[in-house]
C-alpha cells in the first residue's frame, strides 16, 4: 500500500501536526476499571470539528497509513519545509512499532523541533523508545498527568491541567486563552527547558 500523508493543520498552533482518533488509540486514557481518567473525560478531540466526517476520515486513514513501508521517508520529506511539528493533536502512541517509527522520523529531522504529548509512558514496554526520544535535543516528549486539578509528579510529568487561570502552580501556565485560544508567539510546549506546562481546563 502506498503512503499518502494526511496532516492536520489546527488553527491554534503555528505548525502542522499528525493525529489519530482520540480515545480509541489512547491506551493511557483508561483506568483499570474501564472509565476514562479525569483529563480525558472531557477530551476536546471528541467534540466539535473532530466529529466532522473529514476529520474522522483523516484519522482513520492515518491509523493505516503509518504502517506502510515508505511512511518514515515521506514524513521526513514533508518536514523539510518546517521548523516545528506537533505529534498527536488527538490520539496517542499506541504501539511499539509506531513509537519506533516516530523516533526514526525525529532522528532524521534534527532541524525540526518536535512536541510529543503522551500517556503511554504508563506502559513499561514503551519506555526504551521514549528514553531515546527524550535524549534527542530536538524532541520535547511530555508525559501527561491525568489530573485536572494541577497535580503532577516532578521529574515525570511534562504537562497537567489546572481548573482556572488563577490556580497557583509552579508549572508554566499556557495563556492561549488570552490569545483567542491560539499559541501566538509562545513556543513553550516545544521548549525542553520548561519542565511542566499547565493547561487551563476548557
C-alpha atoms as a PDB file:
ATOM      1  CA  UNK A   1       0.000   0.000   0.000  1.00  0.00           C
ATOM      2  CA  UNK A   2       1.358   3.414  -0.974  1.00  0.00           C
ATOM      3  CA  UNK A   3       1.903   6.094   1.661  1.00  0.00           C
ATOM      4  CA  UNK A   4      -0.408   9.102   1.399  1.00  0.00           C
ATOM      5  CA  UNK A   5       0.303  11.556   4.179  1.00  0.00           C
ATOM      6  CA  UNK A   6      -2.623  13.392   5.716  1.00  0.00           C
ATOM      7  CA  UNK A   7      -1.509  16.173   8.004  1.00  0.00           C
ATOM      8  CA  UNK A   8      -3.631  18.203  10.424  1.00  0.00           C
ATOM      9  CA  UNK A   9      -3.438  21.978  10.442  1.00  0.00           C
ATOM     10  CA  UNK A  10      -5.202  23.226  13.553  1.00  0.00           C
ATOM     11  CA  UNK A  11      -5.953  26.930  13.865  1.00  0.00           C
ATOM     12  CA  UNK A  12      -4.422  27.110  17.349  1.00  0.00           C
ATOM     13  CA  UNK A  13      -0.881  26.080  16.505  1.00  0.00           C
ATOM     14  CA  UNK A  14       1.911  27.694  14.465  1.00  0.00           C
ATOM     15  CA  UNK A  15       2.738  24.422  12.733  1.00  0.00           C
ATOM     16  CA  UNK A  16       1.133  21.280  11.286  1.00  0.00           C
ATOM     17  CA  UNK A  17       0.530  18.098  13.265  1.00  0.00           C
ATOM     18  CA  UNK A  18      -0.162  14.418  12.788  1.00  0.00           C
ATOM     19  CA  UNK A  19      -3.034  12.747  14.587  1.00  0.00           C
ATOM     20  CA  UNK A  20      -5.095   9.647  15.236  1.00  0.00           C
ATOM     21  CA  UNK A  21      -8.583   9.091  16.625  1.00  0.00           C
ATOM     22  CA  UNK A  22      -8.908  10.157  20.258  1.00  0.00           C
ATOM     23  CA  UNK A  23      -9.569   7.558  22.984  1.00  0.00           C
ATOM     24  CA  UNK A  24      -9.508   4.637  20.514  1.00  0.00           C
ATOM     25  CA  UNK A  25      -5.740   4.980  20.148  1.00  0.00           C
ATOM     26  CA  UNK A  26      -5.132   6.247  23.687  1.00  0.00           C
ATOM     27  CA  UNK A  27      -4.415   3.237  25.924  1.00  0.00           C
ATOM     28  CA  UNK A  28      -3.300   5.517  28.752  1.00  0.00           C
ATOM     29  CA  UNK A  29      -6.661   7.299  28.859  1.00  0.00           C
ATOM     30  CA  UNK A  30      -8.416   4.402  30.578  1.00  0.00           C
ATOM     31  CA  UNK A  31      -8.290   3.460  34.269  1.00  0.00           C
ATOM     32  CA  UNK A  32      -8.081  -0.154  35.404  1.00  0.00           C
ATOM     33  CA  UNK A  33     -11.852  -0.150  35.954  1.00  0.00           C
ATOM     34  CA  UNK A  34     -12.542   0.880  32.374  1.00  0.00           C
ATOM     35  CA  UNK A  35     -13.546   4.506  32.928  1.00  0.00           C
ATOM     36  CA  UNK A  36     -11.612   7.417  31.455  1.00  0.00           C
ATOM     37  CA  UNK A  37      -9.065   9.301  33.551  1.00  0.00           C
ATOM     38  CA  UNK A  38     -10.171  12.787  34.594  1.00  0.00           C
ATOM     39  CA  UNK A  39      -8.074  14.606  31.987  1.00  0.00           C
ATOM     40  CA  UNK A  40      -9.606  12.544  29.165  1.00  0.00           C
ATOM     41  CA  UNK A  41     -13.221  12.537  30.344  1.00  0.00           C
ATOM     42  CA  UNK A  42     -13.871  15.860  28.571  1.00  0.00           C
ATOM     43  CA  UNK A  43     -11.442  15.392  25.704  1.00  0.00           C
ATOM     44  CA  UNK A  44     -11.641  18.265  23.211  1.00  0.00           C
ATOM     45  CA  UNK A  45     -10.814  15.841  20.400  1.00  0.00           C
ATOM     46  CA  UNK A  46     -14.175  14.087  20.806  1.00  0.00           C
ATOM     47  CA  UNK A  47     -16.161  17.261  20.170  1.00  0.00           C
ATOM     48  CA  UNK A  48     -16.922  19.850  17.504  1.00  0.00           C
ATOM     49  CA  UNK A  49     -14.680  19.785  14.432  1.00  0.00           C
ATOM     50  CA  UNK A  50     -13.254  16.411  15.445  1.00  0.00           C
ATOM     51  CA  UNK A  51     -16.683  14.827  14.978  1.00  0.00           C
ATOM     52  CA  UNK A  52     -16.977  16.009  11.386  1.00  0.00           C
ATOM     53  CA  UNK A  53     -16.531  13.425   8.633  1.00  0.00           C
ATOM     54  CA  UNK A  54     -13.347  14.913   7.078  1.00  0.00           C
ATOM     55  CA  UNK A  55     -11.619  14.991  10.465  1.00  0.00           C
ATOM     56  CA  UNK A  56     -12.708  11.455  11.299  1.00  0.00           C
ATOM     57  CA  UNK A  57     -11.655  10.130   7.892  1.00  0.00           C
ATOM     58  CA  UNK A  58      -8.201  11.718   8.183  1.00  0.00           C
ATOM     59  CA  UNK A  59      -7.576   9.947  11.486  1.00  0.00           C
ATOM     60  CA  UNK A  60      -8.918   6.624  10.216  1.00  0.00           C
ATOM     61  CA  UNK A  61      -6.592   6.945   7.220  1.00  0.00           C
ATOM     62  CA  UNK A  62      -3.585   7.740   9.393  1.00  0.00           C
ATOM     63  CA  UNK A  63      -4.089   4.635  11.508  1.00  0.00           C
ATOM     64  CA  UNK A  64      -3.377   2.539   8.419  1.00  0.00           C
ATOM     65  CA  UNK A  65      -1.005   4.865   6.590  1.00  0.00           C
ATOM     66  CA  UNK A  66       1.748   4.871   9.226  1.00  0.00           C
ATOM     67  CA  UNK A  67       2.112   1.109   8.741  1.00  0.00           C
ATOM     68  CA  UNK A  68       3.289   1.475   5.134  1.00  0.00           C
ATOM     69  CA  UNK A  69       6.975   0.974   4.300  1.00  0.00           C
ATOM     70  CA  UNK A  70       7.505   4.486   2.954  1.00  0.00           C
ATOM     71  CA  UNK A  71       5.868   6.403   5.793  1.00  0.00           C
ATOM     72  CA  UNK A  72       9.071   7.424   7.574  1.00  0.00           C
ATOM     73  CA  UNK A  73      10.739   8.749   4.433  1.00  0.00           C
ATOM     74  CA  UNK A  74       7.558  10.586   3.390  1.00  0.00           C
ATOM     75  CA  UNK A  75       7.334  12.250   6.824  1.00  0.00           C
ATOM     76  CA  UNK A  76      10.975  13.284   6.660  1.00  0.00           C
ATOM     77  CA  UNK A  77      10.455  14.762   3.191  1.00  0.00           C
ATOM     78  CA  UNK A  78       7.338  16.641   4.311  1.00  0.00           C
ATOM     79  CA  UNK A  79       9.092  18.099   7.358  1.00  0.00           C
ATOM     80  CA  UNK A  80      11.831  19.564   5.192  1.00  0.00           C
ATOM     81  CA  UNK A  81       9.804  22.776   4.996  1.00  0.00           C
ATOM     82  CA  UNK A  82       9.118  23.146   8.724  1.00  0.00           C
ATOM     83  CA  UNK A  83      10.985  24.118  11.865  1.00  0.00           C
ATOM     84  CA  UNK A  84       8.378  22.776  14.303  1.00  0.00           C
ATOM     85  CA  UNK A  85       5.925  19.905  14.411  1.00  0.00           C
ATOM     86  CA  UNK A  86       3.379  18.525  16.837  1.00  0.00           C
ATOM     87  CA  UNK A  87       2.533  14.877  17.113  1.00  0.00           C
ATOM     88  CA  UNK A  88      -0.986  13.959  18.235  1.00  0.00           C
ATOM     89  CA  UNK A  89      -3.316  16.911  18.442  1.00  0.00           C
ATOM     90  CA  UNK A  90      -5.572  13.881  19.013  1.00  0.00           C
ATOM     91  CA  UNK A  91      -4.772  10.237  19.691  1.00  0.00           C
ATOM     92  CA  UNK A  92      -1.578   8.778  21.123  1.00  0.00           C
ATOM     93  CA  UNK A  93       1.290   6.349  20.577  1.00  0.00           C
ATOM     94  CA  UNK A  94      -0.498   3.034  20.898  1.00  0.00           C
ATOM     95  CA  UNK A  95       2.044   0.529  19.546  1.00  0.00           C
ATOM     96  CA  UNK A  96       5.789  -0.009  19.884  1.00  0.00           C
ATOM     97  CA  UNK A  97       6.209  -0.077  16.109  1.00  0.00           C
ATOM     98  CA  UNK A  98       4.642   3.380  15.779  1.00  0.00           C
ATOM     99  CA  UNK A  99       6.837   4.689  18.603  1.00  0.00           C
ATOM    100  CA  UNK A 100       9.945   3.426  16.819  1.00  0.00           C
ATOM    101  CA  UNK A 101       8.877   4.964  13.513  1.00  0.00           C
ATOM    102  CA  UNK A 102       8.311   8.339  15.189  1.00  0.00           C
ATOM    103  CA  UNK A 103      11.754   8.046  16.788  1.00  0.00           C
ATOM    104  CA  UNK A 104      13.257   7.452  13.347  1.00  0.00           C
ATOM    105  CA  UNK A 105      11.482  10.498  11.908  1.00  0.00           C
ATOM    106  CA  UNK A 106      12.765  12.657  14.769  1.00  0.00           C
ATOM    107  CA  UNK A 107      16.310  11.349  14.355  1.00  0.00           C
ATOM    108  CA  UNK A 108      16.260  12.121  10.632  1.00  0.00           C
ATOM    109  CA  UNK A 109      14.871  15.670  11.087  1.00  0.00           C
ATOM    110  CA  UNK A 110      17.269  17.384  13.521  1.00  0.00           C
ATOM    111  CA  UNK A 111      16.222  20.805  12.138  1.00  0.00           C
ATOM    112  CA  UNK A 112      12.657  20.262  13.387  1.00  0.00           C
ATOM    113  CA  UNK A 113      11.539  20.864  16.983  1.00  0.00           C
ATOM    114  CA  UNK A 114       9.115  18.039  17.772  1.00  0.00           C
ATOM    115  CA  UNK A 115       6.498  18.191  20.540  1.00  0.00           C
ATOM    116  CA  UNK A 116       5.023  14.826  21.545  1.00  0.00           C
ATOM    117  CA  UNK A 117       2.423  14.592  24.344  1.00  0.00           C
ATOM    118  CA  UNK A 118       1.641  11.064  25.543  1.00  0.00           C
ATOM    119  CA  UNK A 119       0.096   8.955  28.293  1.00  0.00           C
ATOM    120  CA  UNK A 120       1.597   5.728  27.022  1.00  0.00           C
ATOM    121  CA  UNK A 121       4.511   6.142  29.449  1.00  0.00           C
ATOM    122  CA  UNK A 122       2.257   4.197  31.844  1.00  0.00           C
ATOM    123  CA  UNK A 123       3.235   1.033  29.974  1.00  0.00           C
ATOM    124  CA  UNK A 124       6.828  -0.077  30.567  1.00  0.00           C
ATOM    125  CA  UNK A 125       7.177  -1.543  27.094  1.00  0.00           C
ATOM    126  CA  UNK A 126       7.272   1.969  25.607  1.00  0.00           C
ATOM    127  CA  UNK A 127       9.981   3.341  27.876  1.00  0.00           C
ATOM    128  CA  UNK A 128      13.121   2.181  25.990  1.00  0.00           C
ATOM    129  CA  UNK A 129      11.913   4.049  22.893  1.00  0.00           C
ATOM    130  CA  UNK A 130      10.644   7.007  24.916  1.00  0.00           C
ATOM    131  CA  UNK A 131      14.014   7.338  26.628  1.00  0.00           C
ATOM    132  CA  UNK A 132      15.679   7.553  23.218  1.00  0.00           C
ATOM    133  CA  UNK A 133      13.197  10.240  22.181  1.00  0.00           C
ATOM    134  CA  UNK A 134      13.812  12.223  25.363  1.00  0.00           C
ATOM    135  CA  UNK A 135      17.551  12.101  24.715  1.00  0.00           C
ATOM    136  CA  UNK A 136      17.171  13.913  21.379  1.00  0.00           C
ATOM    137  CA  UNK A 137      17.832  17.643  21.591  1.00  0.00           C
ATOM    138  CA  UNK A 138      15.039  18.395  19.102  1.00  0.00           C
ATOM    139  CA  UNK A 139      12.271  16.474  20.909  1.00  0.00           C
ATOM    140  CA  UNK A 140      10.024  17.683  23.721  1.00  0.00           C
ATOM    141  CA  UNK A 141       8.333  14.475  24.892  1.00  0.00           C
ATOM    142  CA  UNK A 142       5.756  15.456  27.504  1.00  0.00           C
ATOM    143  CA  UNK A 143       4.227  12.806  29.746  1.00  0.00           C
ATOM    144  CA  UNK A 144       0.696  13.996  30.524  1.00  0.00           C
ATOM    145  CA  UNK A 145      -0.713  13.961  34.040  1.00  0.00           C
ATOM    146  CA  UNK A 146      -4.245  12.583  34.422  1.00  0.00           C
ATOM    147  CA  UNK A 147      -5.192  15.384  36.801  1.00  0.00           C
ATOM    148  CA  UNK A 148      -7.488  18.345  36.134  1.00  0.00           C
ATOM    149  CA  UNK A 149      -6.506  19.898  39.476  1.00  0.00           C
ATOM    150  CA  UNK A 150      -2.919  20.735  38.623  1.00  0.00           C
ATOM    151  CA  UNK A 151      -1.410  17.632  40.186  1.00  0.00           C
ATOM    152  CA  UNK A 152       1.735  16.184  38.640  1.00  0.00           C
ATOM    153  CA  UNK A 153       4.827  14.211  39.586  1.00  0.00           C
ATOM    154  CA  UNK A 154       8.040  16.212  39.345  1.00  0.00           C
ATOM    155  CA  UNK A 155      10.590  14.540  37.145  1.00  0.00           C
ATOM    156  CA  UNK A 156       7.889  12.519  35.389  1.00  0.00           C
ATOM    157  CA  UNK A 157       5.058  14.615  34.009  1.00  0.00           C
ATOM    158  CA  UNK A 158       5.599  17.268  31.379  1.00  0.00           C
ATOM    159  CA  UNK A 159       2.062  18.660  31.449  1.00  0.00           C
ATOM    160  CA  UNK A 160      -1.017  18.914  33.635  1.00  0.00           C
ATOM    161  CA  UNK A 161      -4.429  20.597  33.616  1.00  0.00           C
ATOM    162  CA  UNK A 162      -5.499  23.327  36.034  1.00  0.00           C
ATOM    163  CA  UNK A 163      -9.112  24.371  36.779  1.00  0.00           C
ATOM    164  CA  UNK A 164      -8.711  28.099  36.029  1.00  0.00           C
ATOM    165  CA  UNK A 165      -6.170  30.798  35.221  1.00  0.00           C
ATOM    166  CA  UNK A 166      -5.917  31.883  38.872  1.00  0.00           C
ATOM    167  CA  UNK A 167      -4.836  28.458  40.103  1.00  0.00           C
ATOM    168  CA  UNK A 168      -1.495  28.545  41.930  1.00  0.00           C
ATOM    169  CA  UNK A 169       1.112  26.280  40.372  1.00  0.00           C
ATOM    170  CA  UNK A 170       4.836  26.253  39.801  1.00  0.00           C
ATOM    171  CA  UNK A 171       4.250  24.940  36.275  1.00  0.00           C
ATOM    172  CA  UNK A 172       4.371  27.211  33.230  1.00  0.00           C
ATOM    173  CA  UNK A 173       0.756  28.245  32.540  1.00  0.00           C
ATOM    174  CA  UNK A 174      -0.410  28.164  28.924  1.00  0.00           C
ATOM    175  CA  UNK A 175      -2.006  31.550  28.155  1.00  0.00           C
ATOM    176  CA  UNK A 176      -3.633  30.620  24.861  1.00  0.00           C
ATOM    177  CA  UNK A 177      -6.944  31.678  26.437  1.00  0.00           C
ATOM    178  CA  UNK A 178      -5.748  35.301  26.261  1.00  0.00           C
ATOM    179  CA  UNK A 179      -4.933  34.999  22.546  1.00  0.00           C
ATOM    180  CA  UNK A 180      -8.170  33.615  21.171  1.00  0.00           C
ATOM    181  CA  UNK A 181      -7.069  30.073  22.131  1.00  0.00           C
ATOM    182  CA  UNK A 182      -4.034  30.274  19.854  1.00  0.00           C
ATOM    183  CA  UNK A 183      -0.368  29.708  20.610  1.00  0.00           C
ATOM    184  CA  UNK A 184       0.517  33.120  19.226  1.00  0.00           C
ATOM    185  CA  UNK A 185       4.250  33.778  19.750  1.00  0.00           C
ATOM    186  CA  UNK A 186       4.540  31.222  22.573  1.00  0.00           C
ATOM    187  CA  UNK A 187       6.595  28.089  21.897  1.00  0.00           C
ATOM    188  CA  UNK A 188       6.783  26.743  25.472  1.00  0.00           C
ATOM    189  CA  UNK A 189       5.444  23.289  24.613  1.00  0.00           C
ATOM    190  CA  UNK A 190       8.389  22.719  22.277  1.00  0.00           C
ATOM    191  CA  UNK A 191      10.910  24.047  24.821  1.00  0.00           C
ATOM    192  CA  UNK A 192      12.763  21.241  26.623  1.00  0.00           C
ATOM    193  CA  UNK A 193      13.926  23.758  29.248  1.00  0.00           C
ATOM    194  CA  UNK A 194      10.356  24.184  30.519  1.00  0.00           C
ATOM    195  CA  UNK A 195       9.686  21.014  32.531  1.00  0.00           C
ATOM    196  CA  UNK A 196       5.906  21.250  33.022  1.00  0.00           C
ATOM    197  CA  UNK A 197       3.144  23.071  31.129  1.00  0.00           C
ATOM    198  CA  UNK A 198      -0.204  23.713  32.852  1.00  0.00           C
ATOM    199  CA  UNK A 199      -3.183  23.934  30.502  1.00  0.00           C
ATOM    200  CA  UNK A 200      -6.339  25.679  31.688  1.00  0.00           C
ATOM    201  CA  UNK A 201      -9.360  23.363  31.640  1.00  0.00           C
ATOM    202  CA  UNK A 202     -11.710  24.156  28.784  1.00  0.00           C
END
